[in-house]
Every structure is written in structure tokens, then in C-alpha cells.
Amino acid sequence: MSNRILVIEDEPTLSRLLSYNLTQEGYDTTVVEHGSEGLQTALQDKFDLIILDIMLPGMNGFEILNRLHQNGVRTPVIILTARNAEEEVVQGLKHGADDYITKPFGVAELLARVSAVLRRTQNEAPKPNLSSEKVIQAGELSIYPEKYEVSVKGQPISLRPKEFEVLLYLVQRPGMVISRDDLMNVVWGFDYIGGQRTVDVHVSSLRKKLELEQQSVRIESIRGVGYKLVMPKKLVSPNG
């Protein structure tokens, strides 16, 4: 069965280009040109991937990402941004996008990124120790690998899936310096096309959320290398 892709793009020439090339590649493609209609389509039907423009009539891409997250939709999303619009890229990743393409782009790049995201999200090998324990205690944090949930003293912390995976990987290696490349390979996959900026954005967002909710666990930046997770000694323990 063909992978189903939802394209939310209001520029007619670009939406036709996307639809034509994705269909030619064998994908079952649906195109919606209005933001709020695109959101409703994403909520009402099941897709394997969403390609989402940021600037849309009715509702922008950031609002759509937020609403998808609020409704528990975990369909992977590739955002379309303008060239040199780094702020759009950063905001899109913070809002939960899986990857991005800057306009104008070539057909080969588009198809490569679509293929990589689908392969990564559908055929991803189980990560070591992700579900071997029902709960992991790290300082004030209670981490539930099977449910992708984190709480502090019973109060949930809202993390996006990639933020959760970054936290889980770091918390299983307290005090160890983890390079950006390692995080990218483990969390996003070896075939991820995006750069290390994606890792930095997710770690920065995760760090702010942790610092806002508790003080016992923190993420330190190691200049030129990566990150490490620091917590009080003897406060890391898995409980069945």
C-alpha cells in the first residue's frame, strides 16, 4: 500500500509541483490549500507524512503544529520555509516538525527528505532500553519510556517526541559527554539529512522546560562537543 502524504500549501504552482512529483514517485497525495482545512484533514484522516508550509491563509503552520500536538497526532511533518528564514526553521522544529526544506528546492532534495523521514519513522529499529523499564527515576523526574511521558512530583511536563528521546538517551548516560552526532544518529537516524542545528534547537527547548519545572536535573553544553546530563548522585534508578 502506498504511503499517504498530506500537502498543506496555498501557492498553486508549488502545490501542483509537489503533488505531481510525489504522485509520480508512487505516493498517495492529498493537497489542501487552506490552513484550517489542512488541520481538519490531518485530524480526521490518517496520513504517513505531512508537508506543511508555514505561511498559510486561515491558520499558519506553527498553529497547525501546535493543534496536532494537542490532539495527540504524531504524524511526521516536514515544514516548508523561505530561504534564509532561520527563525522559521527554529520555530518549526521547536513546535515539533521532524524536518524542513527551504524554498526554492529541487525535486531530488524533496524526494530524498520525504523518503528519509518515512523510513526513519516507519522502519526505525527499537532503541536500546527504551521500554525495558516501566519508569525511570532521575532526580525529581519520573520518566515513562513506554508512554513517552515525563512528570515531576506527579505533574506532567509536556515534551515533544524528539525532546523526550533526547532526554531518555541522556538520562541513561548521566555525566557522559554525548556528541551532537551521537544524538542525531540515535534520535533522528543515520540517514537524517538535516544539520546539527536541529539537535541544538531540541536540546535548548528541552533544557528550558526542565529548568522551569525542577532543579535537580540539568543539561550542560560542552563547547565544541555536545551535551551531558548532570544530576545529584544516587538519584538515578529504574523501577519496575
Protein backbone atom coordinates (compact mmCIF):
# COMPACT_ATOMS: atom_id res chain seq x y z
CA MET A 1 0.00 0.00 0.00
CA SER A 2 1.27 3.46 -0.91
CA ASN A 3 2.29 5.88 1.79
CA ARG A 4 -0.26 8.66 2.20
CA ILE A 5 1.06 12.22 2.18
CA LEU A 6 -0.89 15.36 3.03
CA VAL A 7 0.41 18.57 1.43
CA ILE A 8 -0.79 21.83 3.02
CA GLU A 9 0.41 24.55 0.62
CA ASP A 10 -1.51 27.55 -0.74
CA GLU A 11 0.75 28.56 -3.64
CA PRO A 12 -0.85 26.84 -6.69
CA THR A 13 2.32 26.32 -8.73
CA LEU A 14 4.19 24.80 -5.81
CA SER A 15 1.29 22.62 -4.68
CA ARG A 16 0.95 21.23 -8.24
CA LEU A 17 4.69 20.58 -8.36
CA LEU A 18 4.59 18.75 -5.04
CA SER A 19 1.51 16.74 -5.96
CA TYR A 20 2.85 15.73 -9.37
CA ASN A 21 6.29 14.63 -8.20
CA LEU A 22 5.05 12.81 -5.11
CA THR A 23 2.40 11.01 -7.14
CA GLN A 24 4.95 10.08 -9.79
CA GLU A 25 7.09 8.60 -7.00
CA GLY A 26 4.18 6.36 -6.01
CA TYR A 27 2.79 8.26 -3.02
CA ASP A 28 -0.94 8.73 -2.44
CA THR A 29 -1.04 12.52 -2.24
CA THR A 30 -3.74 14.86 -0.91
CA VAL A 31 -3.37 18.64 -1.36
CA VAL A 32 -5.14 21.25 0.78
CA GLU A 33 -4.58 24.97 0.21
CA HIS A 34 -6.05 26.48 3.40
CA GLY A 35 -4.55 26.25 6.89
CA SER A 36 -7.65 25.44 8.93
CA GLU A 37 -8.91 22.99 6.29
CA GLY A 38 -5.50 21.34 6.29
CA LEU A 39 -5.66 20.92 10.06
CA GLN A 40 -9.12 19.34 9.88
CA THR A 41 -7.96 16.96 7.14
CA ALA A 42 -4.95 15.94 9.25
CA LEU A 43 -7.15 15.36 12.30
CA GLN A 44 -9.91 13.46 10.51
CA ASP A 45 -7.85 11.16 8.29
CA LYS A 46 -4.69 9.10 8.70
CA PHE A 47 -1.52 10.08 6.83
CA ASP A 48 2.04 8.79 6.91
CA LEU A 49 3.57 12.26 6.38
CA ILE A 50 2.52 15.90 6.27
CA ILE A 51 4.31 18.52 4.16
CA LEU A 52 3.40 21.86 5.68
CA ASP A 53 4.00 25.41 4.52
CA ILE A 54 4.48 27.96 7.30
CA MET A 55 2.70 30.91 5.71
CA LEU A 56 -0.89 29.85 5.05
CA PRO A 57 -4.28 31.56 4.91
CA GLY A 58 -6.62 30.90 7.80
CA MET A 59 -4.05 29.31 10.13
CA ASN A 60 -0.27 29.34 9.90
CA GLY A 61 1.97 26.30 10.07
CA PHE A 62 3.03 26.91 13.67
CA GLU A 63 -0.60 26.92 14.82
CA ILE A 64 -1.25 23.70 12.90
CA LEU A 65 1.76 22.01 14.53
CA ASN A 66 0.52 23.06 17.97
CA ARG A 67 -3.00 21.81 17.33
CA LEU A 68 -1.74 18.49 16.00
CA HIS A 69 0.34 18.06 19.15
CA GLN A 70 -2.58 18.99 21.41
CA ASN A 71 -4.73 16.37 19.70
CA GLY A 72 -2.11 13.64 20.05
CA VAL A 73 -1.35 13.39 16.32
CA ARG A 74 2.20 12.11 15.83
CA THR A 75 2.28 12.09 12.05
CA PRO A 76 5.77 13.23 10.97
CA VAL A 77 5.88 16.73 9.49
CA ILE A 78 8.25 18.37 7.02
CA ILE A 79 7.89 22.16 7.01
CA LEU A 80 8.48 24.40 4.00
CA THR A 81 10.30 27.65 4.80
CA ALA A 82 11.68 30.59 2.86
CA ARG A 83 15.39 30.76 2.08
CA ASN A 84 17.43 32.38 4.87
CA ALA A 85 14.42 32.21 7.23
CA GLU A 86 16.36 30.59 10.07
CA GLU A 87 13.84 31.77 12.65
CA GLU A 88 11.08 29.87 10.83
CA VAL A 89 13.21 26.74 10.87
CA VAL A 90 13.98 27.09 14.59
CA GLN A 91 10.35 27.77 15.49
CA GLY A 92 9.15 24.90 13.32
CA LEU A 93 11.48 22.44 14.99
CA LYS A 94 10.51 23.74 18.43
CA HIS A 95 6.87 23.20 17.53
CA GLY A 96 7.53 19.57 16.67
CA ALA A 97 8.42 19.41 12.97
CA ASP A 98 10.61 16.45 12.02
CA ASP A 99 12.49 18.10 9.16
CA TYR A 100 12.45 21.16 6.92
CA ILE A 101 13.01 22.18 3.29
CA THR A 102 13.91 25.71 2.28
CA LYS A 103 12.29 27.18 -0.83
CA PRO A 104 13.19 27.06 -3.66
CA PHE A 105 14.21 23.41 -3.60
CA GLY A 106 14.96 20.71 -6.14
CA VAL A 107 12.79 17.68 -6.75
CA ALA A 108 15.65 15.33 -5.82
CA GLU A 109 16.06 17.01 -2.41
CA LEU A 110 12.32 16.89 -1.77
CA LEU A 111 12.03 13.18 -2.57
CA ALA A 112 15.16 12.36 -0.58
CA ARG A 113 13.87 14.10 2.54
CA VAL A 114 10.42 12.54 2.21
CA SER A 115 11.95 9.08 1.82
CA ALA A 116 14.31 9.61 4.76
CA VAL A 117 11.58 10.79 7.14
CA LEU A 118 9.24 7.93 6.18
CA ARG A 119 12.00 5.36 6.51
CA ARG A 120 13.08 6.76 9.86
CA THR A 121 9.58 6.88 11.35
CA GLN A 122 8.24 3.62 9.95
CA ASN A 123 11.21 1.27 9.99
CA GLU A 124 13.16 2.63 12.93
CA ALA A 125 14.82 -0.16 14.90
CA PRO A 126 13.89 -0.21 18.61
CA LYS A 127 16.27 1.93 20.60
CA PRO A 128 18.15 0.16 23.37
CA ASN A 129 16.45 0.27 26.79
CA LEU A 130 13.58 2.46 25.58
CA SER A 131 10.96 0.15 27.02
CA SER A 132 12.91 -2.20 29.25
CA GLU A 133 11.67 -0.38 32.36
CA LYS A 134 8.22 0.97 33.12
CA VAL A 135 9.56 4.04 34.92
CA ILE A 136 12.97 5.64 35.32
CA GLN A 137 13.60 7.98 38.25
CA ALA A 138 16.14 10.72 37.58
CA GLY A 139 16.31 13.29 40.36
CA GLU A 140 12.84 14.80 40.56
CA LEU A 141 11.86 13.38 37.18
CA SER A 142 9.75 10.28 36.60
CA ILE A 143 10.23 9.07 33.03
CA TYR A 144 7.86 6.56 31.40
CA PRO A 145 9.55 5.19 28.25
CA GLU A 146 6.59 3.17 27.00
CA LYS A 147 4.22 6.15 27.21
CA TYR A 148 6.63 8.96 26.22
CA GLU A 149 5.69 10.80 29.41
CA VAL A 150 7.69 12.74 32.00
CA SER A 151 6.45 14.12 35.30
CA VAL A 152 7.76 16.00 38.34
CA LYS A 153 6.09 15.07 41.63
CA GLY A 154 3.09 13.81 39.69
CA GLN A 155 2.81 16.88 37.46
CA PRO A 156 3.40 16.15 33.74
CA ILE A 157 5.96 18.01 31.65
CA SER A 158 4.87 18.48 28.06
CA LEU A 159 7.68 17.23 25.80
CA ARG A 160 7.58 16.64 22.09
CA PRO A 161 8.60 13.15 20.93
CA LYS A 162 12.14 14.08 19.89
CA GLU A 163 12.70 16.07 23.09
CA PHE A 164 11.62 13.01 25.06
CA GLU A 165 14.01 10.74 23.12
CA VAL A 166 16.90 13.17 23.67
CA LEU A 167 16.15 13.28 27.41
CA LEU A 168 15.89 9.49 27.65
CA TYR A 169 19.18 8.95 25.84
CA LEU A 170 20.96 11.46 28.08
CA VAL A 171 19.41 10.24 31.32
CA GLN A 172 20.59 6.70 30.59
CA ARG A 173 24.14 8.11 30.40
CA PRO A 174 24.39 10.60 33.28
CA GLY A 175 27.63 12.55 33.38
CA MET A 176 28.78 11.29 29.99
CA VAL A 177 29.53 13.83 27.27
CA ILE A 178 27.33 12.98 24.27
CA SER A 179 28.28 14.50 20.94
CA ARG A 180 25.76 16.15 18.64
CA ASP A 181 26.49 13.48 16.04
CA ASP A 182 25.65 10.72 18.50
CA LEU A 183 22.36 12.35 19.44
CA MET A 184 21.48 12.93 15.80
CA ASN A 185 22.24 9.33 14.83
CA VAL A 186 20.34 7.79 17.74
CA VAL A 187 17.30 10.09 17.84
CA TRP A 188 16.94 11.14 14.19
CA GLY A 189 18.67 8.23 12.46
CA PHE A 190 21.84 7.79 10.43
CA ASP A 191 20.13 8.88 7.22
CA TYR A 192 18.86 12.20 8.62
CA ILE A 193 19.66 14.93 6.10
CA GLY A 194 19.28 17.97 8.37
CA GLY A 195 22.15 19.58 10.24
CA GLN A 196 23.21 19.74 13.86
CA ARG A 197 21.12 22.87 14.33
CA THR A 198 18.15 20.53 14.74
CA VAL A 199 19.82 18.89 17.76
CA ASP A 200 20.70 22.25 19.33
CA VAL A 201 17.13 23.55 18.96
CA HIS A 202 15.63 20.47 20.61
CA VAL A 203 18.18 20.42 23.46
CA SER A 204 17.65 24.14 24.10
CA SER A 205 13.89 23.71 24.28
CA LEU A 206 14.23 20.64 26.50
CA ARG A 207 16.63 22.40 28.85
CA LYS A 208 14.27 25.34 29.34
CA LYS A 209 11.36 23.02 30.15
CA LEU A 210 13.41 21.06 32.68
CA GLU A 211 14.74 24.19 34.38
CA LEU A 212 11.23 25.65 34.57
CA GLU A 213 9.77 22.59 36.31
CA GLN A 214 12.60 21.29 38.53
CA GLN A 215 16.18 21.92 39.61
CA SER A 216 17.73 18.51 40.23
CA VAL A 217 18.41 17.53 36.61
CA ARG A 218 20.07 19.83 34.10
CA ILE A 219 21.70 19.63 30.69
CA GLU A 220 25.11 21.23 30.28
CA SER A 221 26.63 22.31 26.98
CA ILE A 222 30.17 21.14 26.33
CA ARG A 223 31.60 23.70 23.95
CA GLY A 224 32.55 22.28 20.57
CA VAL A 225 31.49 18.74 21.52
CA GLY A 226 27.92 18.27 22.66
CA TYR A 227 25.97 17.85 25.89
CA LYS A 228 25.86 15.98 29.16
CA LEU A 229 23.16 15.43 31.72
CA VAL A 230 24.01 16.32 35.33
CA MET A 231 22.00 15.31 38.39
CA PRO A 232 22.54 14.64 42.10
CA LYS A 233 24.44 11.44 42.74
CA LYS A 234 22.49 8.25 43.51
CA LEU A 235 19.28 9.72 42.16
CA VAL A 236 19.02 7.62 39.03
CA SER A 237 17.18 4.34 39.40
CA PRO A 238 14.84 2.22 37.23
CA ASN A 239 11.75 0.82 38.91
CA GLY A 240 9.67 -2.00 37.50
